[in-house]
């Protein structure tokens, strides 16, 4: 597969994205295109440096105990064998439900052509789900039982990439069995999602580059969901972009990239009719630090 083939594939997915139905997003960060390792551990091979990153958001601004999420990722390259190993942590909280996931991962790439590679990744860890449904109504039998469940987790991923594009397939959360809860949709995060991810870097001029990206997820017995974004980079330093997902959430993003440090910010809000009178805005902040011999900015 070449860049000329990868580009039409990604464009086709972007064009049909408007037909994708909404569902509760399994992975809802608007800065997903630069923080894909928890979704696809093979993505870590796109960076020849080691890195640590943190990405967090808080929803329903101004409301106490509002939903929040935090993701931490760390990776070290194993240069002699063209591999990478690391860890990532996901922590999601709402007033009723807390979900915690910790995984270690290993990824290795092989060279396909002079500038294109295939990377394979595997991850293993645990997922913890804790609910406090009895706080809703202790007298209602539907909500009397709280749920506390911990499951082992394994995952597999692959990514085809160059310095201009990436295309990935992954199943990072192969958890077997789901807890019984009062709300069926609350078990979605403990089901096994499958992801397609893709992006390409278009050079518009010597100082301007454009990166469209897509992340499509599928969970059994739920509609397909998609996230779509585009980021314009100026002088490989300043980025400005937009984001949309099929939960009818839009966001604006800005970022500043240095040789080894990057900071990003996004502001998201819902556009569905049912939430038009609710302040469901979300602030999201991302920080990353790269170390090692590679010093050029990482845009893809």
C-alpha atoms as a PDB file:
ATOM      1  CA  UNK A   1       0.000   0.000   0.000  1.00  0.00           C
ATOM      2  CA  UNK A   2       1.321   3.449  -0.917  1.00  0.00           C
ATOM      3  CA  UNK A   3       0.416   6.974   0.114  1.00  0.00           C
ATOM      4  CA  UNK A   4      -1.605   7.279  -3.118  1.00  0.00           C
ATOM      5  CA  UNK A   5      -3.774   4.338  -2.003  1.00  0.00           C
ATOM      6  CA  UNK A   6      -4.028   5.292   1.665  1.00  0.00           C
ATOM      7  CA  UNK A   7      -5.259   8.799   0.873  1.00  0.00           C
ATOM      8  CA  UNK A   8      -8.368   7.741  -1.116  1.00  0.00           C
ATOM      9  CA  UNK A   9      -9.262   5.154   1.558  1.00  0.00           C
ATOM     10  CA  UNK A  10      -9.193   7.784   4.274  1.00  0.00           C
ATOM     11  CA  UNK A  11     -11.109  10.300   2.156  1.00  0.00           C
ATOM     12  CA  UNK A  12     -13.841   7.739   1.506  1.00  0.00           C
ATOM     13  CA  UNK A  13     -14.250   7.101   5.224  1.00  0.00           C
ATOM     14  CA  UNK A  14     -14.427  10.826   5.913  1.00  0.00           C
ATOM     15  CA  UNK A  15     -17.100  11.287   3.237  1.00  0.00           C
ATOM     16  CA  UNK A  16     -19.392   8.554   4.552  1.00  0.00           C
ATOM     17  CA  UNK A  17     -18.831   9.614   8.156  1.00  0.00           C
ATOM     18  CA  UNK A  18     -22.000  11.699   8.156  1.00  0.00           C
ATOM     19  CA  UNK A  19     -24.055   8.484   7.922  1.00  0.00           C
ATOM     20  CA  UNK A  20     -22.541   6.981  11.047  1.00  0.00           C
ATOM     21  CA  UNK A  21     -25.075   6.677  13.870  1.00  0.00           C
ATOM     22  CA  UNK A  22     -24.509   8.116  17.323  1.00  0.00           C
ATOM     23  CA  UNK A  23     -23.647   6.013  20.372  1.00  0.00           C
ATOM     24  CA  UNK A  24     -21.947   6.524  23.700  1.00  0.00           C
ATOM     25  CA  UNK A  25     -18.361   7.135  22.665  1.00  0.00           C
ATOM     26  CA  UNK A  26     -15.846   4.601  23.941  1.00  0.00           C
ATOM     27  CA  UNK A  27     -12.982   7.013  23.369  1.00  0.00           C
ATOM     28  CA  UNK A  28     -14.177  10.614  23.402  1.00  0.00           C
ATOM     29  CA  UNK A  29     -11.062  12.812  23.447  1.00  0.00           C
ATOM     30  CA  UNK A  30     -11.134  15.520  20.790  1.00  0.00           C
ATOM     31  CA  UNK A  31      -7.310  15.431  20.595  1.00  0.00           C
ATOM     32  CA  UNK A  32      -7.383  11.729  19.760  1.00  0.00           C
ATOM     33  CA  UNK A  33      -5.317  12.050  16.563  1.00  0.00           C
ATOM     34  CA  UNK A  34      -2.126  12.734  18.556  1.00  0.00           C
ATOM     35  CA  UNK A  35      -2.890  10.388  21.458  1.00  0.00           C
ATOM     36  CA  UNK A  36      -3.836   7.078  19.878  1.00  0.00           C
ATOM     37  CA  UNK A  37      -1.634   4.674  21.854  1.00  0.00           C
ATOM     38  CA  UNK A  38      -4.419   3.599  24.277  1.00  0.00           C
ATOM     39  CA  UNK A  39      -6.608   2.825  21.248  1.00  0.00           C
ATOM     40  CA  UNK A  40      -3.851   1.315  19.088  1.00  0.00           C
ATOM     41  CA  UNK A  41      -0.586   0.411  20.825  1.00  0.00           C
ATOM     42  CA  UNK A  42       1.117  -0.021  17.431  1.00  0.00           C
ATOM     43  CA  UNK A  43       0.817   3.773  17.039  1.00  0.00           C
ATOM     44  CA  UNK A  44       3.693   4.180  19.526  1.00  0.00           C
ATOM     45  CA  UNK A  45       6.078   3.146  16.738  1.00  0.00           C
ATOM     46  CA  UNK A  46       5.382   6.370  14.823  1.00  0.00           C
ATOM     47  CA  UNK A  47       7.552   8.187  17.353  1.00  0.00           C
ATOM     48  CA  UNK A  48      11.242   7.297  17.382  1.00  0.00           C
ATOM     49  CA  UNK A  49      11.620   9.052  20.731  1.00  0.00           C
ATOM     50  CA  UNK A  50      10.433   8.109  24.161  1.00  0.00           C
ATOM     51  CA  UNK A  51       7.502  10.121  25.414  1.00  0.00           C
ATOM     52  CA  UNK A  52       5.193  10.770  28.324  1.00  0.00           C
ATOM     53  CA  UNK A  53       1.819  12.420  27.842  1.00  0.00           C
ATOM     54  CA  UNK A  54      -1.265  13.339  29.819  1.00  0.00           C
ATOM     55  CA  UNK A  55      -4.680  14.204  28.426  1.00  0.00           C
ATOM     56  CA  UNK A  56      -7.688  15.139  30.506  1.00  0.00           C
ATOM     57  CA  UNK A  57     -11.104  16.707  30.181  1.00  0.00           C
ATOM     58  CA  UNK A  58     -13.994  17.812  32.364  1.00  0.00           C
ATOM     59  CA  UNK A  59     -17.590  18.034  31.169  1.00  0.00           C
ATOM     60  CA  UNK A  60     -20.591  20.148  32.205  1.00  0.00           C
ATOM     61  CA  UNK A  61     -18.527  23.139  33.284  1.00  0.00           C
ATOM     62  CA  UNK A  62     -19.735  24.732  36.504  1.00  0.00           C
ATOM     63  CA  UNK A  63     -21.519  21.625  37.819  1.00  0.00           C
ATOM     64  CA  UNK A  64     -20.195  19.915  40.933  1.00  0.00           C
ATOM     65  CA  UNK A  65     -19.003  16.300  40.498  1.00  0.00           C
ATOM     66  CA  UNK A  66     -19.233  16.661  36.729  1.00  0.00           C
ATOM     67  CA  UNK A  67     -17.903  13.806  34.559  1.00  0.00           C
ATOM     68  CA  UNK A  68     -14.144  13.887  34.079  1.00  0.00           C
ATOM     69  CA  UNK A  69     -11.534  11.753  32.398  1.00  0.00           C
ATOM     70  CA  UNK A  70      -7.752  11.445  32.588  1.00  0.00           C
ATOM     71  CA  UNK A  71      -5.394   9.494  30.367  1.00  0.00           C
ATOM     72  CA  UNK A  72      -1.663   8.997  30.965  1.00  0.00           C
ATOM     73  CA  UNK A  73       0.711   7.325  28.501  1.00  0.00           C
ATOM     74  CA  UNK A  74       4.435   6.572  28.633  1.00  0.00           C
ATOM     75  CA  UNK A  75       6.601   4.817  26.043  1.00  0.00           C
ATOM     76  CA  UNK A  76      10.263   3.896  25.625  1.00  0.00           C
ATOM     77  CA  UNK A  77      11.799   2.932  22.257  1.00  0.00           C
ATOM     78  CA  UNK A  78      13.779  -0.311  21.998  1.00  0.00           C
ATOM     79  CA  UNK A  79      15.887   0.771  19.049  1.00  0.00           C
ATOM     80  CA  UNK A  80      18.004  -2.382  18.437  1.00  0.00           C
ATOM     81  CA  UNK A  81      14.897  -4.460  17.650  1.00  0.00           C
ATOM     82  CA  UNK A  82      12.735  -1.643  16.218  1.00  0.00           C
ATOM     83  CA  UNK A  83      10.222  -1.896  19.041  1.00  0.00           C
ATOM     84  CA  UNK A  84       8.620   0.129  21.786  1.00  0.00           C
ATOM     85  CA  UNK A  85       7.201  -0.685  25.223  1.00  0.00           C
ATOM     86  CA  UNK A  86       5.202   1.333  27.701  1.00  0.00           C
ATOM     87  CA  UNK A  87       2.160   1.803  29.883  1.00  0.00           C
ATOM     88  CA  UNK A  88      -1.103   3.707  29.738  1.00  0.00           C
ATOM     89  CA  UNK A  89      -3.787   4.500  32.262  1.00  0.00           C
ATOM     90  CA  UNK A  90      -7.387   5.608  31.727  1.00  0.00           C
ATOM     91  CA  UNK A  91      -9.533   6.964  34.563  1.00  0.00           C
ATOM     92  CA  UNK A  92     -13.140   8.036  33.898  1.00  0.00           C
ATOM     93  CA  UNK A  93     -15.424   9.354  36.629  1.00  0.00           C
ATOM     94  CA  UNK A  94     -19.066  10.363  36.864  1.00  0.00           C
ATOM     95  CA  UNK A  95     -21.156  10.892  40.021  1.00  0.00           C
ATOM     96  CA  UNK A  96     -22.403   7.278  39.727  1.00  0.00           C
ATOM     97  CA  UNK A  97     -19.708   5.345  37.874  1.00  0.00           C
ATOM     98  CA  UNK A  98     -15.919   5.109  37.993  1.00  0.00           C
ATOM     99  CA  UNK A  99     -13.895   3.182  35.425  1.00  0.00           C
ATOM    100  CA  UNK A 100     -10.180   2.553  35.732  1.00  0.00           C
ATOM    101  CA  UNK A 101      -7.971   0.816  33.187  1.00  0.00           C
ATOM    102  CA  UNK A 102      -4.232   0.083  33.405  1.00  0.00           C
ATOM    103  CA  UNK A 103      -2.316  -1.585  30.565  1.00  0.00           C
ATOM    104  CA  UNK A 104       1.242  -2.329  29.567  1.00  0.00           C
ATOM    105  CA  UNK A 105       2.014  -2.682  25.871  1.00  0.00           C
ATOM    106  CA  UNK A 106       4.679  -3.834  23.430  1.00  0.00           C
ATOM    107  CA  UNK A 107       4.874  -2.875  19.754  1.00  0.00           C
ATOM    108  CA  UNK A 108       7.273  -3.814  16.979  1.00  0.00           C
ATOM    109  CA  UNK A 109       7.525  -2.651  13.373  1.00  0.00           C
ATOM    110  CA  UNK A 110       8.900  -4.144  10.186  1.00  0.00           C
ATOM    111  CA  UNK A 111       9.936  -2.206   7.089  1.00  0.00           C
ATOM    112  CA  UNK A 112       7.761  -2.853   4.039  1.00  0.00           C
ATOM    113  CA  UNK A 113       9.214  -0.343   1.544  1.00  0.00           C
ATOM    114  CA  UNK A 114      11.886   2.337   1.719  1.00  0.00           C
ATOM    115  CA  UNK A 115       9.655   4.609   3.815  1.00  0.00           C
ATOM    116  CA  UNK A 116       6.630   2.522   4.847  1.00  0.00           C
ATOM    117  CA  UNK A 117       6.250   0.225   7.830  1.00  0.00           C
ATOM    118  CA  UNK A 118       3.871  -2.250   9.432  1.00  0.00           C
ATOM    119  CA  UNK A 119       3.637  -2.195  13.205  1.00  0.00           C
ATOM    120  CA  UNK A 120       2.040  -4.842  15.428  1.00  0.00           C
ATOM    121  CA  UNK A 121       1.139  -4.208  19.057  1.00  0.00           C
ATOM    122  CA  UNK A 122      -0.160  -6.177  22.030  1.00  0.00           C
ATOM    123  CA  UNK A 123      -1.379  -4.907  25.397  1.00  0.00           C
ATOM    124  CA  UNK A 124      -2.395  -6.538  28.671  1.00  0.00           C
ATOM    125  CA  UNK A 125      -3.746  -5.233  31.949  1.00  0.00           C
ATOM    126  CA  UNK A 126      -6.931  -4.848  33.954  1.00  0.00           C
ATOM    127  CA  UNK A 127     -10.202  -2.913  33.868  1.00  0.00           C
ATOM    128  CA  UNK A 128     -12.155  -1.950  36.977  1.00  0.00           C
ATOM    129  CA  UNK A 129     -15.792  -0.847  37.040  1.00  0.00           C
ATOM    130  CA  UNK A 130     -17.446   0.569  40.158  1.00  0.00           C
ATOM    131  CA  UNK A 131     -20.974   1.992  40.357  1.00  0.00           C
ATOM    132  CA  UNK A 132     -22.980   3.737  43.046  1.00  0.00           C
ATOM    133  CA  UNK A 133     -26.509   3.247  41.680  1.00  0.00           C
ATOM    134  CA  UNK A 134     -28.003   2.942  45.165  1.00  0.00           C
ATOM    135  CA  UNK A 135     -27.422   6.680  45.557  1.00  0.00           C
ATOM    136  CA  UNK A 136     -30.235   7.261  43.045  1.00  0.00           C
ATOM    137  CA  UNK A 137     -32.972   5.584  45.086  1.00  0.00           C
ATOM    138  CA  UNK A 138     -32.055   2.993  47.766  1.00  0.00           C
ATOM    139  CA  UNK A 139     -35.694   1.889  47.995  1.00  0.00           C
ATOM    140  CA  UNK A 140     -35.987   1.019  44.305  1.00  0.00           C
ATOM    141  CA  UNK A 141     -35.017  -2.640  43.660  1.00  0.00           C
ATOM    142  CA  UNK A 142     -33.669  -1.663  40.245  1.00  0.00           C
ATOM    143  CA  UNK A 143     -30.995   0.468  41.902  1.00  0.00           C
ATOM    144  CA  UNK A 144     -30.369  -1.256  45.238  1.00  0.00           C
ATOM    145  CA  UNK A 145     -27.276  -3.164  44.125  1.00  0.00           C
ATOM    146  CA  UNK A 146     -24.020  -1.371  43.438  1.00  0.00           C
ATOM    147  CA  UNK A 147     -21.552  -2.990  41.052  1.00  0.00           C
ATOM    148  CA  UNK A 148     -17.843  -3.496  41.670  1.00  0.00           C
ATOM    149  CA  UNK A 149     -16.119  -5.618  39.062  1.00  0.00           C
ATOM    150  CA  UNK A 150     -12.521  -6.106  37.880  1.00  0.00           C
ATOM    151  CA  UNK A 151     -11.700  -7.878  34.645  1.00  0.00           C
ATOM    152  CA  UNK A 152      -8.403  -8.869  33.000  1.00  0.00           C
ATOM    153  CA  UNK A 153      -7.822  -7.137  29.691  1.00  0.00           C
ATOM    154  CA  UNK A 154      -5.843  -8.000  26.576  1.00  0.00           C
ATOM    155  CA  UNK A 155      -5.673  -6.301  23.206  1.00  0.00           C
ATOM    156  CA  UNK A 156      -4.113  -6.451  19.764  1.00  0.00           C
ATOM    157  CA  UNK A 157      -3.438  -3.796  17.147  1.00  0.00           C
ATOM    158  CA  UNK A 158      -1.746  -3.135  13.845  1.00  0.00           C
ATOM    159  CA  UNK A 159      -0.818   0.013  11.941  1.00  0.00           C
ATOM    160  CA  UNK A 160       0.496   0.675   8.445  1.00  0.00           C
ATOM    161  CA  UNK A 161       2.334   3.986   8.301  1.00  0.00           C
ATOM    162  CA  UNK A 162       4.933   6.267   6.781  1.00  0.00           C
ATOM    163  CA  UNK A 163       5.978   9.842   7.498  1.00  0.00           C
ATOM    164  CA  UNK A 164       2.857  11.009   5.612  1.00  0.00           C
ATOM    165  CA  UNK A 165      -0.022   8.759   6.796  1.00  0.00           C
ATOM    166  CA  UNK A 166      -1.183   6.016   9.103  1.00  0.00           C
ATOM    167  CA  UNK A 167      -3.978   3.434   8.897  1.00  0.00           C
ATOM    168  CA  UNK A 168      -4.736   1.281  11.914  1.00  0.00           C
ATOM    169  CA  UNK A 169      -7.002  -1.541  13.120  1.00  0.00           C
ATOM    170  CA  UNK A 170      -7.235  -2.486  16.770  1.00  0.00           C
ATOM    171  CA  UNK A 171      -9.131  -4.335  19.483  1.00  0.00           C
ATOM    172  CA  UNK A 172      -7.480  -2.946  22.632  1.00  0.00           C
ATOM    173  CA  UNK A 173     -10.087  -4.041  25.189  1.00  0.00           C
ATOM    174  CA  UNK A 174     -10.942  -7.712  24.773  1.00  0.00           C
ATOM    175  CA  UNK A 175     -12.751  -8.156  28.065  1.00  0.00           C
ATOM    176  CA  UNK A 176     -14.827 -11.317  28.477  1.00  0.00           C
ATOM    177  CA  UNK A 177     -18.089 -10.906  30.384  1.00  0.00           C
ATOM    178  CA  UNK A 178     -19.851  -7.720  31.468  1.00  0.00           C
ATOM    179  CA  UNK A 179     -21.309  -6.665  34.821  1.00  0.00           C
ATOM    180  CA  UNK A 180     -25.076  -6.535  35.180  1.00  0.00           C
ATOM    181  CA  UNK A 181     -26.164  -2.958  35.841  1.00  0.00           C
ATOM    182  CA  UNK A 182     -29.407  -1.061  36.081  1.00  0.00           C
ATOM    183  CA  UNK A 183     -28.637   0.722  32.827  1.00  0.00           C
ATOM    184  CA  UNK A 184     -27.657  -1.471  29.888  1.00  0.00           C
ATOM    185  CA  UNK A 185     -25.782   1.363  28.184  1.00  0.00           C
ATOM    186  CA  UNK A 186     -23.513   1.738  31.205  1.00  0.00           C
ATOM    187  CA  UNK A 187     -21.927  -1.617  30.395  1.00  0.00           C
ATOM    188  CA  UNK A 188     -20.709  -0.376  26.993  1.00  0.00           C
ATOM    189  CA  UNK A 189     -17.314   0.707  28.371  1.00  0.00           C
ATOM    190  CA  UNK A 190     -16.697  -2.883  29.575  1.00  0.00           C
ATOM    191  CA  UNK A 191     -17.615  -4.451  26.256  1.00  0.00           C
ATOM    192  CA  UNK A 192     -14.994  -5.067  23.584  1.00  0.00           C
ATOM    193  CA  UNK A 193     -14.735  -2.159  21.109  1.00  0.00           C
ATOM    194  CA  UNK A 194     -13.047  -2.378  17.712  1.00  0.00           C
ATOM    195  CA  UNK A 195     -11.372   0.632  16.131  1.00  0.00           C
ATOM    196  CA  UNK A 196     -10.267   1.895  12.748  1.00  0.00           C
ATOM    197  CA  UNK A 197      -7.970   4.919  12.800  1.00  0.00           C
ATOM    198  CA  UNK A 198      -6.426   6.923  10.008  1.00  0.00           C
ATOM    199  CA  UNK A 199      -4.758  10.227   9.226  1.00  0.00           C
ATOM    200  CA  UNK A 200      -2.550  11.786   6.598  1.00  0.00           C
ATOM    201  CA  UNK A 201      -0.334  14.841   6.476  1.00  0.00           C
ATOM    202  CA  UNK A 202      -0.821  17.015   3.408  1.00  0.00           C
ATOM    203  CA  UNK A 203       1.889  19.548   2.585  1.00  0.00           C
ATOM    204  CA  UNK A 204       0.130  22.711   1.388  1.00  0.00           C
ATOM    205  CA  UNK A 205       3.263  24.864   1.289  1.00  0.00           C
ATOM    206  CA  UNK A 206       6.710  25.085   2.845  1.00  0.00           C
ATOM    207  CA  UNK A 207       5.170  26.450   6.033  1.00  0.00           C
ATOM    208  CA  UNK A 208       1.635  25.022   6.112  1.00  0.00           C
ATOM    209  CA  UNK A 209       0.502  21.403   6.564  1.00  0.00           C
ATOM    210  CA  UNK A 210      -2.964  19.917   6.991  1.00  0.00           C
ATOM    211  CA  UNK A 211      -3.784  16.726   8.913  1.00  0.00           C
ATOM    212  CA  UNK A 212      -7.310  15.250   8.571  1.00  0.00           C
ATOM    213  CA  UNK A 213      -7.948  12.255  10.828  1.00  0.00           C
ATOM    214  CA  UNK A 214     -10.700   9.756  11.605  1.00  0.00           C
ATOM    215  CA  UNK A 215     -11.427   7.313  14.421  1.00  0.00           C
ATOM    216  CA  UNK A 216     -14.284   4.842  13.945  1.00  0.00           C
ATOM    217  CA  UNK A 217     -15.411   2.478  16.713  1.00  0.00           C
ATOM    218  CA  UNK A 218     -17.808  -0.438  16.901  1.00  0.00           C
ATOM    219  CA  UNK A 219     -19.222  -2.206  19.953  1.00  0.00           C
ATOM    220  CA  UNK A 220     -21.454  -5.255  19.606  1.00  0.00           C
ATOM    221  CA  UNK A 221     -25.185  -4.494  19.527  1.00  0.00           C
ATOM    222  CA  UNK A 222     -24.612  -0.732  19.230  1.00  0.00           C
ATOM    223  CA  UNK A 223     -24.351   1.554  16.180  1.00  0.00           C
ATOM    224  CA  UNK A 224     -20.996   2.423  14.690  1.00  0.00           C
ATOM    225  CA  UNK A 225     -19.546   5.670  16.066  1.00  0.00           C
ATOM    226  CA  UNK A 226     -17.055   8.047  14.501  1.00  0.00           C
ATOM    227  CA  UNK A 227     -14.833  10.997  15.336  1.00  0.00           C
ATOM    228  CA  UNK A 228     -13.465  13.290  12.639  1.00  0.00           C
ATOM    229  CA  UNK A 229     -10.957  16.115  12.880  1.00  0.00           C
ATOM    230  CA  UNK A 230      -8.732  18.381  10.850  1.00  0.00           C
ATOM    231  CA  UNK A 231      -5.682  20.295  12.051  1.00  0.00           C
ATOM    232  CA  UNK A 232      -3.791  23.028  10.189  1.00  0.00           C
ATOM    233  CA  UNK A 233      -0.129  23.329  11.218  1.00  0.00           C
ATOM    234  CA  UNK A 234       1.826  26.526  10.617  1.00  0.00           C
ATOM    235  CA  UNK A 235       5.620  26.278  10.580  1.00  0.00           C
ATOM    236  CA  UNK A 236       5.278  22.891  12.328  1.00  0.00           C
ATOM    237  CA  UNK A 237       4.718  24.814  15.552  1.00  0.00           C
ATOM    238  CA  UNK A 238       1.213  26.230  15.823  1.00  0.00           C
ATOM    239  CA  UNK A 239      -1.846  24.073  15.181  1.00  0.00           C
ATOM    240  CA  UNK A 240      -5.499  25.045  14.907  1.00  0.00           C
ATOM    241  CA  UNK A 241      -8.300  22.624  14.133  1.00  0.00           C
ATOM    242  CA  UNK A 242     -11.874  21.400  14.431  1.00  0.00           C
ATOM    243  CA  UNK A 243     -13.445  18.178  15.678  1.00  0.00           C
ATOM    244  CA  UNK A 244     -16.817  16.453  15.314  1.00  0.00           C
ATOM    245  CA  UNK A 245     -18.118  13.110  16.537  1.00  0.00           C
ATOM    246  CA  UNK A 246     -21.336  11.210  15.975  1.00  0.00           C
ATOM    247  CA  UNK A 247     -22.513  11.987  19.501  1.00  0.00           C
ATOM    248  CA  UNK A 248     -23.139  15.450  17.977  1.00  0.00           C
ATOM    249  CA  UNK A 249     -20.216  17.054  19.741  1.00  0.00           C
ATOM    250  CA  UNK A 250     -18.082  19.718  18.059  1.00  0.00           C
ATOM    251  CA  UNK A 251     -14.820  21.197  19.286  1.00  0.00           C
ATOM    252  CA  UNK A 252     -12.163  23.722  18.402  1.00  0.00           C
ATOM    253  CA  UNK A 253      -8.546  22.851  19.139  1.00  0.00           C
ATOM    254  CA  UNK A 254      -5.271  24.743  19.377  1.00  0.00           C
ATOM    255  CA  UNK A 255      -1.775  23.443  20.039  1.00  0.00           C
ATOM    256  CA  UNK A 256       1.814  24.597  20.220  1.00  0.00           C
ATOM    257  CA  UNK A 257       4.538  22.117  19.265  1.00  0.00           C
ATOM    258  CA  UNK A 258       8.223  22.451  20.099  1.00  0.00           C
ATOM    259  CA  UNK A 259      11.057  20.033  19.395  1.00  0.00           C
ATOM    260  CA  UNK A 260      10.304  17.971  22.491  1.00  0.00           C
ATOM    261  CA  UNK A 261       7.248  19.513  24.186  1.00  0.00           C
ATOM    262  CA  UNK A 262       3.652  20.016  23.122  1.00  0.00           C
ATOM    263  CA  UNK A 263       0.631  21.596  24.767  1.00  0.00           C
ATOM    264  CA  UNK A 264      -2.880  21.380  23.369  1.00  0.00           C
ATOM    265  CA  UNK A 265      -6.276  22.726  24.356  1.00  0.00           C
ATOM    266  CA  UNK A 266      -9.771  22.084  23.056  1.00  0.00           C
ATOM    267  CA  UNK A 267     -13.214  23.396  23.875  1.00  0.00           C
ATOM    268  CA  UNK A 268     -16.117  21.097  23.017  1.00  0.00           C
ATOM    269  CA  UNK A 269     -19.869  21.456  23.215  1.00  0.00           C
ATOM    270  CA  UNK A 270     -22.904  19.420  22.200  1.00  0.00           C
ATOM    271  CA  UNK A 271     -25.111  20.477  19.307  1.00  0.00           C
ATOM    272  CA  UNK A 272     -28.055  18.087  19.763  1.00  0.00           C
ATOM    273  CA  UNK A 273     -31.527  19.502  20.296  1.00  0.00           C
ATOM    274  CA  UNK A 274     -32.030  17.757  23.624  1.00  0.00           C
ATOM    275  CA  UNK A 275     -29.046  19.502  25.245  1.00  0.00           C
ATOM    276  CA  UNK A 276     -29.393  22.974  23.756  1.00  0.00           C
ATOM    277  CA  UNK A 277     -30.407  24.470  27.113  1.00  0.00           C
ATOM    278  CA  UNK A 278     -27.695  22.662  29.079  1.00  0.00           C
ATOM    279  CA  UNK A 279     -24.142  23.892  29.495  1.00  0.00           C
ATOM    280  CA  UNK A 280     -22.485  20.663  28.419  1.00  0.00           C
ATOM    281  CA  UNK A 281     -19.219  22.332  27.427  1.00  0.00           C
ATOM    282  CA  UNK A 282     -15.994  20.411  27.965  1.00  0.00           C
ATOM    283  CA  UNK A 283     -12.471  21.708  28.503  1.00  0.00           C
ATOM    284  CA  UNK A 284      -9.676  19.375  27.432  1.00  0.00           C
ATOM    285  CA  UNK A 285      -5.952  19.862  27.997  1.00  0.00           C
ATOM    286  CA  UNK A 286      -3.109  17.749  26.627  1.00  0.00           C
ATOM    287  CA  UNK A 287       0.578  17.816  27.575  1.00  0.00           C
ATOM    288  CA  UNK A 288       3.383  15.700  26.159  1.00  0.00           C
ATOM    289  CA  UNK A 289       7.141  15.532  26.486  1.00  0.00           C
ATOM    290  CA  UNK A 290       9.469  13.663  24.130  1.00  0.00           C
ATOM    291  CA  UNK A 291      13.006  12.612  24.943  1.00  0.00           C
ATOM    292  CA  UNK A 292      15.789  10.883  23.068  1.00  0.00           C
ATOM    293  CA  UNK A 293      17.769  11.536  19.910  1.00  0.00           C
ATOM    294  CA  UNK A 294      14.803  12.532  17.722  1.00  0.00           C
ATOM    295  CA  UNK A 295      14.248  16.278  18.032  1.00  0.00           C
ATOM    296  CA  UNK A 296      12.060  17.206  15.074  1.00  0.00           C
ATOM    297  CA  UNK A 297       8.407  18.064  15.903  1.00  0.00           C
ATOM    298  CA  UNK A 298       5.978  15.155  15.658  1.00  0.00           C
ATOM    299  CA  UNK A 299       2.910  16.190  13.649  1.00  0.00           C
ATOM    300  CA  UNK A 300       1.512  12.814  12.601  1.00  0.00           C
END
